[in-house]
Protein backbone atom coordinates (compact mmCIF):
# COMPACT_ATOMS: atom_id res chain seq x y z
CA VAL A 1 -2.79 -4.95 13.45
CA GLY A 2 -3.03 -8.69 13.85
CA ALA A 3 -6.55 -8.91 12.45
CA ASP A 4 -7.76 -11.45 9.89
CA LEU A 5 -10.11 -8.99 8.17
CA MET A 6 -9.89 -5.30 7.33
CA ILE A 7 -12.93 -3.43 6.02
CA VAL A 8 -12.31 -0.17 4.17
CA GLY A 9 -15.28 2.15 3.84
CA ASP A 10 -13.62 5.16 2.23
CA LEU A 11 -12.18 4.71 -1.24
CA ILE A 12 -9.20 6.86 -2.17
CA PRO A 13 -8.58 7.60 -5.88
CA GLU A 14 -4.78 7.35 -5.58
CA PRO A 15 -3.66 3.70 -5.83
CA TRP A 16 -0.43 4.31 -3.94
CA LYS A 17 -2.40 5.47 -0.91
CA LEU A 18 -4.48 2.29 -1.00
CA LEU A 19 -1.34 0.17 -1.25
CA GLN A 20 0.12 2.05 1.72
CA LEU A 21 -3.10 1.54 3.70
CA GLU A 22 -2.97 -2.19 2.98
CA LYS A 23 0.68 -2.48 4.00
CA ARG A 24 0.09 -0.64 7.28
CA ALA A 25 -2.43 -3.28 8.34
CA HIS A 26 0.16 -6.06 8.02
CA ARG A 27 3.06 -6.49 10.45
CA PHE A 28 6.55 -7.31 9.11
CA ASP A 29 6.81 -10.47 11.25
CA SER A 30 3.23 -11.66 10.74
CA THR A 31 2.57 -15.04 9.16
CA LYS A 32 -1.23 -14.66 9.17
CA SER A 33 -3.15 -13.81 6.03
CA LEU A 34 -5.17 -10.61 5.97
CA LEU A 35 -8.32 -10.25 3.89
CA ILE A 36 -9.05 -6.65 2.87
CA ARG A 37 -12.58 -5.79 1.75
CA TYR A 38 -13.51 -2.48 0.14
CA LEU A 39 -17.14 -1.44 0.57
CA ILE A 40 -18.28 -0.13 -2.82
CA ALA A 41 -21.98 0.37 -3.47
CA THR A 42 -23.32 0.02 -7.00
CA GLY A 43 -24.32 3.31 -8.63
CA THR A 44 -22.20 5.49 -6.33
CA ILE A 45 -19.19 7.70 -6.95
CA ASP A 46 -17.07 5.03 -5.26
CA GLU A 47 -17.93 2.62 -8.07
CA GLY A 48 -16.40 5.02 -10.61
CA ILE A 49 -13.40 5.66 -8.37
CA ALA A 50 -12.85 1.90 -8.02
CA GLU A 51 -12.79 1.48 -11.80
CA THR A 52 -10.28 4.32 -12.13
CA VAL A 53 -8.05 2.88 -9.40
CA VAL A 54 -8.05 -0.55 -11.05
CA GLU A 55 -7.06 1.06 -14.37
CA LYS A 56 -4.28 3.02 -12.66
CA LEU A 57 -2.99 -0.14 -10.95
CA ALA A 58 -2.92 -1.92 -14.31
CA ALA A 59 -0.93 0.98 -15.79
CA LEU A 60 1.50 0.87 -12.85
CA GLU A 61 1.99 -2.87 -13.30
CA GLU A 62 2.63 -2.40 -17.02
CA THR A 63 5.18 0.30 -16.31
CA MET A 64 6.89 -1.12 -13.24
CA GLY A 65 6.02 -4.82 -13.36
CA VAL A 66 3.95 -6.77 -10.89
CA GLN A 67 4.96 -5.87 -7.36
CA THR A 68 5.89 -8.63 -4.93
CA ASP A 69 7.11 -8.61 -1.34
CA SER A 70 10.72 -8.26 -2.50
CA THR A 71 10.00 -5.52 -5.07
CA ASP A 72 7.17 -3.43 -3.73
CA LEU A 73 6.09 -0.03 -4.99
CA THR A 74 8.31 1.81 -2.49
CA THR A 75 11.42 -0.02 -3.66
CA ALA A 76 10.55 0.46 -7.32
CA MET A 77 10.03 4.20 -6.87
CA THR A 78 12.83 5.01 -4.40
CA GLY A 79 15.41 2.30 -4.96
CA ARG A 80 15.25 1.49 -1.24
CA THR A 81 13.19 -0.99 0.73
CA THR A 82 10.72 0.15 3.36
CA ALA A 83 13.05 -1.24 6.04
CA GLN A 84 15.96 0.81 4.66
CA ILE A 85 13.87 3.98 4.68
CA VAL A 86 12.72 3.35 8.26
CA ASP A 87 16.32 2.64 9.35
CA GLU A 88 17.52 5.89 7.74
CA LEU A 89 14.75 7.92 9.39
CA PHE A 90 15.46 6.29 12.77
CA ALA A 91 19.18 7.01 12.42
CA ARG A 92 18.37 10.67 11.71
CA LEU A 93 16.10 10.89 14.75
CA VAL A 94 18.60 9.23 17.08
CA GLY A 95 21.62 11.01 15.62
CA GLY A 96 19.88 14.36 15.34
CA ALA A 97 20.94 14.74 11.71
CA ALA A 98 18.87 16.95 9.44
């Protein structure tokens, strides 16, 4: 957290997990830009996975629209913002609700 550069060496075939990974590296109150680099060697399985992930992201954008800070994937899928989800979970922990 707070870095200018993040290097990812393990490619995950599920785009939502990559989006989550990218969001975790950025603080809510941060004003700094973060450059994320994925290490993908030519001729490896990761190259094929990368192509598949890009295709899946394109399909998600077609279906749900381009995601911005105000309408991220979490909000589009759950109808709640990340902050709302965190607040609800915190309230459950503090209040002891199930």
